[in-house]
Amino acid sequence: AKNTIYLQMNSLKADDTGVYYCAAVLGFFTDEARYLRNQD
């Protein structure tokens, strides 16, 4: 309804530091391994 995706981050650690990007791909993957691959 708000056309928004959220990432709730709890118990943050120093190793979580960085630039966070959101990315989109039209449709979905049948190979679940592709969901966390930036090149896809």
PDB file of all heavy atoms in Angstrom:
ATOM      1  N   ALA A   1       0.832  -1.209   0.000  1.00  0.00           N
ATOM      2  CA  ALA A   1       0.000   0.000   0.000  1.00  0.00           C
ATOM      3  C   ALA A   1       0.865   1.257   0.000  1.00  0.00           C
ATOM      4  O   ALA A   1       0.496   2.281  -0.583  1.00  0.00           O
ATOM      5  CB  ALA A   1      -0.925  -0.009   1.206  1.00  0.00           C
ATOM      6  N   LYS A   2       2.031   1.171   0.653  1.00  0.00           N
ATOM      7  CA  LYS A   2       2.939   2.320   0.699  1.00  0.00           C
ATOM      8  C   LYS A   2       4.047   2.211  -0.350  1.00  0.00           C
ATOM      9  O   LYS A   2       4.907   3.095  -0.424  1.00  0.00           O
ATOM     10  CB  LYS A   2       3.552   2.441   2.085  1.00  0.00           C
ATOM     11  CG  LYS A   2       2.538   2.767   3.176  1.00  0.00           C
ATOM     12  CD  LYS A   2       3.217   2.959   4.518  1.00  0.00           C
ATOM     13  CE  LYS A   2       2.194   3.347   5.586  1.00  0.00           C
ATOM     14  NZ  LYS A   2       2.819   3.546   6.921  1.00  0.00           N
ATOM     15  N   ASN A   3       4.026   1.106  -1.105  1.00  0.00           N
ATOM     16  CA  ASN A   3       5.042   0.913  -2.143  1.00  0.00           C
ATOM     17  C   ASN A   3       6.455   0.995  -1.565  1.00  0.00           C
ATOM     18  O   ASN A   3       7.350   1.624  -2.156  1.00  0.00           O
ATOM     19  CB  ASN A   3       4.861   1.949  -3.259  1.00  0.00           C
ATOM     20  CG  ASN A   3       5.405   1.490  -4.591  1.00  0.00           C
ATOM     21  OD1 ASN A   3       5.323   0.304  -4.932  1.00  0.00           O
ATOM     22  ND2 ASN A   3       5.945   2.416  -5.359  1.00  0.00           N
ATOM     23  N   THR A   4       6.632   0.362  -0.423  1.00  0.00           N
ATOM     24  CA  THR A   4       7.888   0.471   0.314  1.00  0.00           C
ATOM     25  C   THR A   4       8.305  -0.893   0.859  1.00  0.00           C
ATOM     26  O   THR A   4       7.464  -1.689   1.269  1.00  0.00           O
ATOM     27  CB  THR A   4       7.737   1.470   1.482  1.00  0.00           C
ATOM     28  OG1 THR A   4       7.349   2.756   0.963  1.00  0.00           O
ATOM     29  CG2 THR A   4       9.046   1.623   2.250  1.00  0.00           C
ATOM     30  N   ILE A   5       9.618  -1.126   0.825  1.00  0.00           N
ATOM     31  CA  ILE A   5      10.198  -2.326   1.419  1.00  0.00           C
ATOM     32  C   ILE A   5      11.070  -1.880   2.589  1.00  0.00           C
ATOM     33  O   ILE A   5      11.813  -0.904   2.484  1.00  0.00           O
ATOM     34  CB  ILE A   5      11.040  -3.107   0.388  1.00  0.00           C
ATOM     35  CG1 ILE A   5      10.136  -3.740  -0.663  1.00  0.00           C
ATOM     36  CG2 ILE A   5      11.854  -4.189   1.077  1.00  0.00           C
ATOM     37  CD1 ILE A   5       9.674  -2.812  -1.759  1.00  0.00           C
ATOM     38  N   TYR A   6      10.953  -2.599   3.699  1.00  0.00           N
ATOM     39  CA  TYR A   6      11.674  -2.238   4.907  1.00  0.00           C
ATOM     40  C   TYR A   6      12.707  -3.304   5.263  1.00  0.00           C
ATOM     41  O   TYR A   6      12.530  -4.480   4.962  1.00  0.00           O
ATOM     42  CB  TYR A   6      10.704  -2.092   6.083  1.00  0.00           C
ATOM     43  CG  TYR A   6       9.619  -1.071   5.857  1.00  0.00           C
ATOM     44  CD1 TYR A   6       8.336  -1.451   5.476  1.00  0.00           C
ATOM     45  CD2 TYR A   6       9.890   0.290   6.031  1.00  0.00           C
ATOM     46  CE1 TYR A   6       7.338  -0.507   5.276  1.00  0.00           C
ATOM     47  CE2 TYR A   6       8.901   1.236   5.827  1.00  0.00           C
ATOM     48  CZ  TYR A   6       7.635   0.837   5.449  1.00  0.00           C
ATOM     49  OH  TYR A   6       6.654   1.767   5.245  1.00  0.00           O
ATOM     50  N   LEU A   7      13.751  -2.854   5.941  1.00  0.00           N
ATOM     51  CA  LEU A   7      14.706  -3.762   6.554  1.00  0.00           C
ATOM     52  C   LEU A   7      14.863  -3.334   8.003  1.00  0.00           C
ATOM     53  O   LEU A   7      15.473  -2.302   8.285  1.00  0.00           O
ATOM     54  CB  LEU A   7      16.061  -3.736   5.841  1.00  0.00           C
ATOM     55  CG  LEU A   7      17.070  -4.747   6.367  1.00  0.00           C
ATOM     56  CD1 LEU A   7      16.624  -6.177   6.044  1.00  0.00           C
ATOM     57  CD2 LEU A   7      18.465  -4.492   5.797  1.00  0.00           C
ATOM     58  N   GLN A   8      14.253  -4.095   8.902  1.00  0.00           N
ATOM     59  CA  GLN A   8      14.377  -3.840  10.329  1.00  0.00           C
ATOM     60  C   GLN A   8      15.637  -4.522  10.833  1.00  0.00           C
ATOM     61  O   GLN A   8      15.787  -5.735  10.684  1.00  0.00           O
ATOM     62  CB  GLN A   8      13.148  -4.373  11.083  1.00  0.00           C
ATOM     63  CG  GLN A   8      13.220  -4.197  12.585  1.00  0.00           C
ATOM     64  CD  GLN A   8      13.169  -2.740  13.010  1.00  0.00           C
ATOM     65  OE1 GLN A   8      12.379  -1.961  12.486  1.00  0.00           O
ATOM     66  NE2 GLN A   8      14.017  -2.376  13.966  1.00  0.00           N
ATOM     67  N   MET A   9      16.527  -3.731  11.406  1.00  0.00           N
ATOM     68  CA  MET A   9      17.819  -4.250  11.850  1.00  0.00           C
ATOM     69  C   MET A   9      17.921  -4.089  13.355  1.00  0.00           C
ATOM     70  O   MET A   9      17.910  -2.957  13.868  1.00  0.00           O
ATOM     71  CB  MET A   9      18.954  -3.494  11.157  1.00  0.00           C
ATOM     72  CG  MET A   9      18.841  -3.500   9.631  1.00  0.00           C
ATOM     73  SD  MET A   9      20.277  -2.792   8.808  1.00  0.00           S
ATOM     74  CE  MET A   9      20.214  -1.112   9.377  1.00  0.00           C
ATOM     75  N   ASN A  10      18.005  -5.193  14.047  1.00  0.00           N
ATOM     76  CA  ASN A  10      18.111  -5.199  15.501  1.00  0.00           C
ATOM     77  C   ASN A  10      19.453  -5.790  15.937  1.00  0.00           C
ATOM     78  O   ASN A  10      20.131  -6.439  15.144  1.00  0.00           O
ATOM     79  CB  ASN A  10      16.971  -6.014  16.112  1.00  0.00           C
ATOM     80  CG  ASN A  10      15.598  -5.453  15.795  1.00  0.00           C
ATOM     81  OD1 ASN A  10      15.423  -4.237  15.641  1.00  0.00           O
ATOM     82  ND2 ASN A  10      14.616  -6.327  15.691  1.00  0.00           N
ATOM     83  N   SER A  11      19.793  -5.560  17.181  1.00  0.00           N
ATOM     84  CA  SER A  11      21.037  -6.096  17.748  1.00  0.00           C
ATOM     85  C   SER A  11      22.224  -5.815  16.844  1.00  0.00           C
ATOM     86  O   SER A  11      23.027  -6.702  16.540  1.00  0.00           O
ATOM     87  CB  SER A  11      20.905  -7.608  17.991  1.00  0.00           C
ATOM     88  OG  SER A  11      19.810  -7.898  18.830  1.00  0.00           O
ATOM     89  N   LEU A  12      22.331  -4.585  16.430  1.00  0.00           N
ATOM     90  CA  LEU A  12      23.370  -4.217  15.467  1.00  0.00           C
ATOM     91  C   LEU A  12      24.763  -4.355  16.053  1.00  0.00           C
ATOM     92  O   LEU A  12      24.993  -4.106  17.249  1.00  0.00           O
ATOM     93  CB  LEU A  12      23.134  -2.799  14.964  1.00  0.00           C
ATOM     94  CG  LEU A  12      22.003  -2.686  13.929  1.00  0.00           C
ATOM     95  CD1 LEU A  12      21.519  -1.262  13.802  1.00  0.00           C
ATOM     96  CD2 LEU A  12      22.468  -3.221  12.583  1.00  0.00           C
ATOM     97  N   LYS A  13      25.674  -4.746  15.183  1.00  0.00           N
ATOM     98  CA  LYS A  13      27.073  -4.943  15.558  1.00  0.00           C
ATOM     99  C   LYS A  13      27.955  -4.034  14.707  1.00  0.00           C
ATOM    100  O   LYS A  13      27.539  -3.571  13.648  1.00  0.00           O
ATOM    101  CB  LYS A  13      27.475  -6.398  15.309  1.00  0.00           C
ATOM    102  CG  LYS A  13      26.572  -7.437  15.935  1.00  0.00           C
ATOM    103  CD  LYS A  13      26.987  -8.834  15.489  1.00  0.00           C
ATOM    104  CE  LYS A  13      26.075  -9.892  16.055  1.00  0.00           C
ATOM    105  NZ  LYS A  13      26.466 -11.257  15.591  1.00  0.00           N
ATOM    106  N   ALA A  14      29.174  -3.846  15.136  1.00  0.00           N
ATOM    107  CA  ALA A  14      30.107  -3.026  14.365  1.00  0.00           C
ATOM    108  C   ALA A  14      30.302  -3.587  12.957  1.00  0.00           C
ATOM    109  O   ALA A  14      30.470  -2.829  11.993  1.00  0.00           O
ATOM    110  CB  ALA A  14      31.450  -2.952  15.094  1.00  0.00           C
ATOM    111  N   ASP A  15      30.251  -4.895  12.824  1.00  0.00           N
ATOM    112  CA  ASP A  15      30.426  -5.525  11.508  1.00  0.00           C
ATOM    113  C   ASP A  15      29.275  -5.226  10.551  1.00  0.00           C
ATOM    114  O   ASP A  15      29.383  -5.511   9.351  1.00  0.00           O
ATOM    115  CB  ASP A  15      30.553  -7.042  11.662  1.00  0.00           C
ATOM    116  CG  ASP A  15      31.894  -7.448  12.220  1.00  0.00           C
ATOM    117  OD1 ASP A  15      32.800  -6.589  12.259  1.00  0.00           O
ATOM    118  OD2 ASP A  15      32.045  -8.615  12.623  1.00  0.00           O
ATOM    119  N   ASP A  16      28.186  -4.693  11.057  1.00  0.00           N
ATOM    120  CA  ASP A  16      27.055  -4.322  10.182  1.00  0.00           C
ATOM    121  C   ASP A  16      27.278  -2.970   9.509  1.00  0.00           C
ATOM    122  O   ASP A  16      26.464  -2.559   8.674  1.00  0.00           O
ATOM    123  CB  ASP A  16      25.752  -4.292  10.986  1.00  0.00           C
ATOM    124  CG  ASP A  16      25.356  -5.651  11.522  1.00  0.00           C
ATOM    125  OD1 ASP A  16      25.490  -6.645  10.786  1.00  0.00           O
ATOM    126  OD2 ASP A  16      24.916  -5.716  12.696  1.00  0.00           O
ATOM    127  N   THR A  17      28.326  -2.290   9.866  1.00  0.00           N
ATOM    128  CA  THR A  17      28.621  -0.979   9.283  1.00  0.00           C
ATOM    129  C   THR A  17      28.869  -1.089   7.790  1.00  0.00           C
ATOM    130  O   THR A  17      29.568  -1.991   7.332  1.00  0.00           O
ATOM    131  CB  THR A  17      29.842  -0.362   9.970  1.00  0.00           C
ATOM    132  OG1 THR A  17      29.525  -0.098  11.337  1.00  0.00           O
ATOM    133  CG2 THR A  17      30.271   0.932   9.294  1.00  0.00           C
ATOM    134  N   GLY A  18      28.286  -0.150   7.046  1.00  0.00           N
ATOM    135  CA  GLY A  18      28.502  -0.114   5.611  1.00  0.00           C
ATOM    136  C   GLY A  18      27.440   0.711   4.919  1.00  0.00           C
ATOM    137  O   GLY A  18      26.544   1.264   5.575  1.00  0.00           O
ATOM    138  N   VAL A  19      27.541   0.777   3.613  1.00  0.00           N
ATOM    139  CA  VAL A  19      26.500   1.418   2.806  1.00  0.00           C
ATOM    140  C   VAL A  19      25.504   0.338   2.405  1.00  0.00           C
ATOM    141  O   VAL A  19      25.887  -0.694   1.860  1.00  0.00           O
ATOM    142  CB  VAL A  19      27.083   2.096   1.563  1.00  0.00           C
ATOM    143  CG1 VAL A  19      25.969   2.731   0.735  1.00  0.00           C
ATOM    144  CG2 VAL A  19      28.117   3.147   1.962  1.00  0.00           C
ATOM    145  N   TYR A  20      24.250   0.610   2.695  1.00  0.00           N
ATOM    146  CA  TYR A  20      23.189  -0.343   2.394  1.00  0.00           C
ATOM    147  C   TYR A  20      22.427   0.107   1.149  1.00  0.00           C
ATOM    148  O   TYR A  20      22.004   1.262   1.054  1.00  0.00           O
ATOM    149  CB  TYR A  20      22.237  -0.468   3.585  1.00  0.00           C
ATOM    150  CG  TYR A  20      22.798  -1.325   4.693  1.00  0.00           C
ATOM    151  CD1 TYR A  20      23.884  -0.881   5.445  1.00  0.00           C
ATOM    152  CD2 TYR A  20      22.264  -2.574   4.975  1.00  0.00           C
ATOM    153  CE1 TYR A  20      24.424  -1.671   6.447  1.00  0.00           C
ATOM    154  CE2 TYR A  20      22.792  -3.373   5.981  1.00  0.00           C
ATOM    155  CZ  TYR A  20      23.863  -2.911   6.707  1.00  0.00           C
ATOM    156  OH  TYR A  20      24.402  -3.704   7.709  1.00  0.00           O
ATOM    157  N   TYR A  21      22.273  -0.820   0.225  1.00  0.00           N
ATOM    158  CA  TYR A  21      21.593  -0.560  -1.038  1.00  0.00           C
ATOM    159  C   TYR A  21      20.363  -1.453  -1.159  1.00  0.00           C
ATOM    160  O   TYR A  21      20.407  -2.623  -0.778  1.00  0.00           O
ATOM    161  CB  TYR A  21      22.506  -0.874  -2.218  1.00  0.00           C
ATOM    162  CG  TYR A  21      23.793  -0.116  -2.259  1.00  0.00           C
ATOM    163  CD1 TYR A  21      24.935  -0.586  -1.621  1.00  0.00           C
ATOM    164  CD2 TYR A  21      23.896   1.084  -2.969  1.00  0.00           C
ATOM    165  CE1 TYR A  21      26.127   0.112  -1.665  1.00  0.00           C
ATOM    166  CE2 TYR A  21      25.089   1.782  -3.023  1.00  0.00           C
ATOM    167  CZ  TYR A  21      26.192   1.292  -2.374  1.00  0.00           C
ATOM    168  OH  TYR A  21      27.382   1.976  -2.428  1.00  0.00           O
ATOM    169  N   CYS A  22      19.306  -0.903  -1.706  1.00  0.00           N
ATOM    170  CA  CYS A  22      18.225  -1.784  -2.123  1.00  0.00           C
ATOM    171  C   CYS A  22      18.309  -1.938  -3.635  1.00  0.00           C
ATOM    172  O   CYS A  22      18.804  -1.045  -4.348  1.00  0.00           O
ATOM    173  CB  CYS A  22      16.855  -1.291  -1.679  1.00  0.00           C
ATOM    174  SG  CYS A  22      16.229   0.184  -2.484  1.00  0.00           S
ATOM    175  N   ALA A  23      17.848  -3.078  -4.108  1.00  0.00           N
ATOM    176  CA  ALA A  23      17.912  -3.397  -5.522  1.00  0.00           C
ATOM    177  C   ALA A  23      16.652  -4.153  -5.912  1.00  0.00           C
ATOM    178  O   ALA A  23      16.013  -4.791  -5.064  1.00  0.00           O
ATOM    179  CB  ALA A  23      19.147  -4.242  -5.818  1.00  0.00           C
ATOM    180  N   ALA A  24      16.334  -4.091  -7.190  1.00  0.00           N
ATOM    181  CA  ALA A  24      15.097  -4.698  -7.676  1.00  0.00           C
ATOM    182  C   ALA A  24      15.337  -5.494  -8.938  1.00  0.00           C
ATOM    183  O   ALA A  24      16.212  -5.157  -9.754  1.00  0.00           O
ATOM    184  CB  ALA A  24      14.043  -3.609  -7.933  1.00  0.00           C
ATOM    185  N   VAL A  25      14.546  -6.534  -9.086  1.00  0.00           N
ATOM    186  CA  VAL A  25      14.536  -7.316 -10.315  1.00  0.00           C
ATOM    187  C   VAL A  25      13.083  -7.662 -10.610  1.00  0.00           C
ATOM    188  O   VAL A  25      12.317  -7.987  -9.703  1.00  0.00           O
ATOM    189  CB  VAL A  25      15.417  -8.575 -10.187  1.00  0.00           C
ATOM    190  CG1 VAL A  25      14.934  -9.490  -9.085  1.00  0.00           C
ATOM    191  CG2 VAL A  25      15.479  -9.318 -11.511  1.00  0.00           C
ATOM    192  N   LEU A  26      12.718  -7.565 -11.865  1.00  0.00           N
ATOM    193  CA  LEU A  26      11.340  -7.851 -12.255  1.00  0.00           C
ATOM    194  C   LEU A  26      11.089  -9.347 -12.159  1.00  0.00           C
ATOM    195  O   LEU A  26      11.851 -10.144 -12.712  1.00  0.00           O
ATOM    196  CB  LEU A  26      11.106  -7.351 -13.687  1.00  0.00           C
ATOM    197  CG  LEU A  26       9.673  -7.424 -14.210  1.00  0.00           C
ATOM    198  CD1 LEU A  26       8.762  -6.521 -13.385  1.00  0.00           C
ATOM    199  CD2 LEU A  26       9.628  -7.027 -15.678  1.00  0.00           C
ATOM    200  N   GLY A  27      10.034  -9.717 -11.451  1.00  0.00           N
ATOM    201  CA  GLY A  27       9.705 -11.123 -11.317  1.00  0.00           C
ATOM    202  C   GLY A  27      10.401 -11.772 -10.137  1.00  0.00           C
ATOM    203  O   GLY A  27      10.709 -11.115  -9.139  1.00  0.00           O
ATOM    204  N   PHE A  28      10.664 -13.067 -10.276  1.00  0.00           N
ATOM    205  CA  PHE A  28      11.265 -13.820  -9.169  1.00  0.00           C
ATOM    206  C   PHE A  28      12.209 -14.872  -9.722  1.00  0.00           C
ATOM    207  O   PHE A  28      12.234 -15.150 -10.920  1.00  0.00           O
ATOM    208  CB  PHE A  28      10.165 -14.476  -8.320  1.00  0.00           C
ATOM    209  CG  PHE A  28       9.342 -15.504  -9.049  1.00  0.00           C
ATOM    210  CD1 PHE A  28       9.638 -16.850  -8.952  1.00  0.00           C
ATOM    211  CD2 PHE A  28       8.269 -15.120  -9.841  1.00  0.00           C
ATOM    212  CE1 PHE A  28       8.880 -17.796  -9.633  1.00  0.00           C
ATOM    213  CE2 PHE A  28       7.509 -16.052 -10.527  1.00  0.00           C
ATOM    214  CZ  PHE A  28       7.818 -17.394 -10.424  1.00  0.00           C
ATOM    215  N   PHE A  29      12.995 -15.453  -8.825  1.00  0.00           N
ATOM    216  CA  PHE A  29      13.951 -16.485  -9.195  1.00  0.00           C
ATOM    217  C   PHE A  29      13.430 -17.859  -8.797  1.00  0.00           C
ATOM    218  O   PHE A  29      12.904 -18.043  -7.709  1.00  0.00           O
ATOM    219  CB  PHE A  29      15.290 -16.247  -8.478  1.00  0.00           C
ATOM    220  CG  PHE A  29      15.903 -14.906  -8.743  1.00  0.00           C
ATOM    221  CD1 PHE A  29      16.100 -13.994  -7.716  1.00  0.00           C
ATOM    222  CD2 PHE A  29      16.296 -14.546 -10.029  1.00  0.00           C
ATOM    223  CE1 PHE A  29      16.682 -12.757  -7.954  1.00  0.00           C
ATOM    224  CE2 PHE A  29      16.879 -13.311 -10.274  1.00  0.00           C
ATOM    225  CZ  PHE A  29      17.066 -12.413  -9.235  1.00  0.00           C
ATOM    226  N   THR A  30      13.621 -18.831  -9.661  1.00  0.00           N
ATOM    227  CA  THR A  30      13.313 -20.207  -9.284  1.00  0.00           C
ATOM    228  C   THR A  30      14.485 -20.832  -8.525  1.00  0.00           C
ATOM    229  O   THR A  30      14.293 -21.762  -7.742  1.00  0.00           O
ATOM    230  CB  THR A  30      12.985 -21.040 -10.526  1.00  0.00           C
ATOM    231  OG1 THR A  30      14.079 -20.928 -11.458  1.00  0.00           O
ATOM    232  CG2 THR A  30      11.712 -20.523 -11.190  1.00  0.00           C
ATOM    233  N   ASP A  31      15.666 -20.314  -8.747  1.00  0.00           N
ATOM    234  CA  ASP A  31      16.856 -20.739  -8.014  1.00  0.00           C
ATOM    235  C   ASP A  31      17.014 -19.806  -6.816  1.00  0.00           C
ATOM    236  O   ASP A  31      17.388 -18.647  -6.961  1.00  0.00           O
ATOM    237  CB  ASP A  31      18.087 -20.659  -8.918  1.00  0.00           C
ATOM    238  CG  ASP A  31      19.360 -21.059  -8.192  1.00  0.00           C
ATOM    239  OD1 ASP A  31      19.297 -21.415  -6.991  1.00  0.00           O
ATOM    240  OD2 ASP A  31      20.427 -21.014  -8.820  1.00  0.00           O
ATOM    241  N   GLU A  32      16.750 -20.315  -5.636  1.00  0.00           N
ATOM    242  CA  GLU A  32      16.757 -19.456  -4.444  1.00  0.00           C
ATOM    243  C   GLU A  32      18.115 -18.830  -4.172  1.00  0.00           C
ATOM    244  O   GLU A  32      18.205 -17.780  -3.545  1.00  0.00           O
ATOM    245  CB  GLU A  32      16.301 -20.258  -3.224  1.00  0.00           C
ATOM    246  CG  GLU A  32      14.838 -20.663  -3.272  1.00  0.00           C
ATOM    247  CD  GLU A  32      14.369 -21.326  -1.989  1.00  0.00           C
ATOM    248  OE1 GLU A  32      15.227 -21.660  -1.142  1.00  0.00           O
ATOM    249  OE2 GLU A  32      13.147 -21.505  -1.830  1.00  0.00           O
ATOM    250  N   ALA A  33      19.159 -19.439  -4.648  1.00  0.00           N
ATOM    251  CA  ALA A  33      20.507 -18.900  -4.412  1.00  0.00           C
ATOM    252  C   ALA A  33      20.708 -17.540  -5.062  1.00  0.00           C
ATOM    253  O   ALA A  33      21.567 -16.761  -4.659  1.00  0.00           O
ATOM    254  CB  ALA A  33      21.555 -19.879  -4.928  1.00  0.00           C
ATOM    255  N   ARG A  34      19.886 -17.236  -6.066  1.00  0.00           N
ATOM    256  CA  ARG A  34      20.056 -15.972  -6.780  1.00  0.00           C
ATOM    257  C   ARG A  34      19.513 -14.783  -5.994  1.00  0.00           C
ATOM    258  O   ARG A  34      19.849 -13.646  -6.312  1.00  0.00           O
ATOM    259  CB  ARG A  34      19.367 -16.069  -8.138  1.00  0.00           C
ATOM    260  CG  ARG A  34      19.981 -17.126  -9.040  1.00  0.00           C
ATOM    261  CD  ARG A  34      19.267 -17.207 -10.365  1.00  0.00           C
ATOM    262  NE  ARG A  34      19.479 -16.012 -11.167  1.00  0.00           N
ATOM    263  CZ  ARG A  34      18.916 -15.806 -12.358  1.00  0.00           C
ATOM    264  NH1 ARG A  34      18.104 -16.718 -12.858  1.00  0.00           N
ATOM    265  NH2 ARG A  34      19.160 -14.698 -13.027  1.00  0.00           N
ATOM    266  N   TYR A  35      18.716 -15.017  -4.983  1.00  0.00           N
ATOM    267  CA  TYR A  35      18.089 -13.900  -4.271  1.00  0.00           C
ATOM    268  C   TYR A  35      19.096 -13.023  -3.541  1.00  0.00           C
ATOM    269  O   TYR A  35      18.821 -11.855  -3.280  1.00  0.00           O
ATOM    270  CB  TYR A  35      17.039 -14.411  -3.290  1.00  0.00           C
ATOM    271  CG  TYR A  35      15.710 -14.667  -3.941  1.00  0.00           C
ATOM    272  CD1 TYR A  35      15.303 -15.957  -4.280  1.00  0.00           C
ATOM    273  CD2 TYR A  35      14.854 -13.609  -4.247  1.00  0.00           C
ATOM    274  CE1 TYR A  35      14.085 -16.176  -4.905  1.00  0.00           C
ATOM    275  CE2 TYR A  35      13.639 -13.825  -4.867  1.00  0.00           C
ATOM    276  CZ  TYR A  35      13.255 -15.113  -5.194  1.00  0.00           C
ATOM    277  OH  TYR A  35      12.057 -15.330  -5.811  1.00  0.00           O
ATOM    278  N   LEU A  36      20.251 -13.556  -3.209  1.00  0.00           N
ATOM    279  CA  LEU A  36      21.255 -12.754  -2.494  1.00  0.00           C
ATOM    280  C   LEU A  36      22.491 -12.492  -3.338  1.00  0.00           C
ATOM    281  O   LEU A  36      23.537 -12.120  -2.803  1.00  0.00           O
ATOM    282  CB  LEU A  36      21.639 -13.456  -1.185  1.00  0.00           C
ATOM    283  CG  LEU A  36      20.530 -13.538  -0.132  1.00  0.00           C
ATOM    284  CD1 LEU A  36      21.039 -14.260   1.120  1.00  0.00           C
ATOM    285  CD2 LEU A  36      20.011 -12.151   0.235  1.00  0.00           C
ATOM    286  N   ARG A  37      22.360 -12.648  -4.648  1.00  0.00           N
ATOM    287  CA  ARG A  37      23.485 -12.377  -5.557  1.00  0.00           C
ATOM    288  C   ARG A  37      23.281 -11.034  -6.226  1.00  0.00           C
ATOM    289  O   ARG A  37      22.325 -10.849  -6.980  1.00  0.00           O
ATOM    290  CB  ARG A  37      23.600 -13.483  -6.605  1.00  0.00           C
ATOM    291  CG  ARG A  37      24.043 -14.797  -6.002  1.00  0.00           C
ATOM    292  CD  ARG A  37      24.461 -15.848  -7.014  1.00  0.00           C
ATOM    293  NE  ARG A  37      23.916 -15.724  -8.332  1.00  0.00           N
ATOM    294  CZ  ARG A  37      23.889 -16.735  -9.200  1.00  0.00           C
ATOM    295  NH1 ARG A  37      24.349 -17.922  -8.838  1.00  0.00           N
ATOM    296  NH2 ARG A  37      23.407 -16.568 -10.408  1.00  0.00           N
ATOM    297  N   ASN A  38      24.186 -10.102  -5.992  1.00  0.00           N
ATOM    298  CA  ASN A  38      23.950  -8.746  -6.498  1.00  0.00           C
ATOM    299  C   ASN A  38      23.927  -8.700  -8.020  1.00  0.00           C
ATOM    300  O   ASN A  38      23.259  -7.844  -8.602  1.00  0.00           O
ATOM    301  CB  ASN A  38      24.947  -7.759  -5.906  1.00  0.00           C
ATOM    302  CG  ASN A  38      26.395  -8.138  -6.159  1.00  0.00           C
ATOM    303  OD1 ASN A  38      26.750  -8.634  -7.218  1.00  0.00           O
ATOM    304  ND2 ASN A  38      27.239  -7.910  -5.180  1.00  0.00           N
ATOM    305  N   GLN A  39      24.640  -9.590  -8.685  1.00  0.00           N
ATOM    306  CA  GLN A  39      24.683  -9.540 -10.148  1.00  0.00           C
ATOM    307  C   GLN A  39      23.345  -9.902 -10.792  1.00  0.00           C
ATOM    308  O   GLN A  39      23.170  -9.709 -11.998  1.00  0.00           O
ATOM    309  CB  GLN A  39      25.792 -10.433 -10.703  1.00  0.00           C
ATOM    310  CG  GLN A  39      25.653 -11.901 -10.374  1.00  0.00           C
ATOM    311  CD  GLN A  39      26.469 -12.301  -9.159  1.00  0.00           C
ATOM    312  OE1 GLN A  39      26.526 -11.566  -8.169  1.00  0.00           O
ATOM    313  NE2 GLN A  39      27.112 -13.450  -9.227  1.00  0.00           N
ATOM    314  N   ASP A  40      22.414 -10.421 -10.017  1.00  0.00           N
ATOM    315  CA  ASP A  40      21.125 -10.826 -10.563  1.00  0.00           C
ATOM    316  C   ASP A  40      20.052  -9.742 -10.450  1.00  0.00           C
ATOM    317  O   ASP A  40      18.903  -9.982 -10.833  1.00  0.00           O
ATOM    318  CB  ASP A  40      20.644 -12.103  -9.873  1.00  0.00           C
ATOM    319  CG  ASP A  40      21.444 -13.313 -10.332  1.00  0.00           C
ATOM    320  OD1 ASP A  40      21.719 -13.423 -11.543  1.00  0.00           O
ATOM    321  OD2 ASP A  40      21.813 -14.144  -9.470  1.00  0.00           O
TER     322      ASP A  40
END
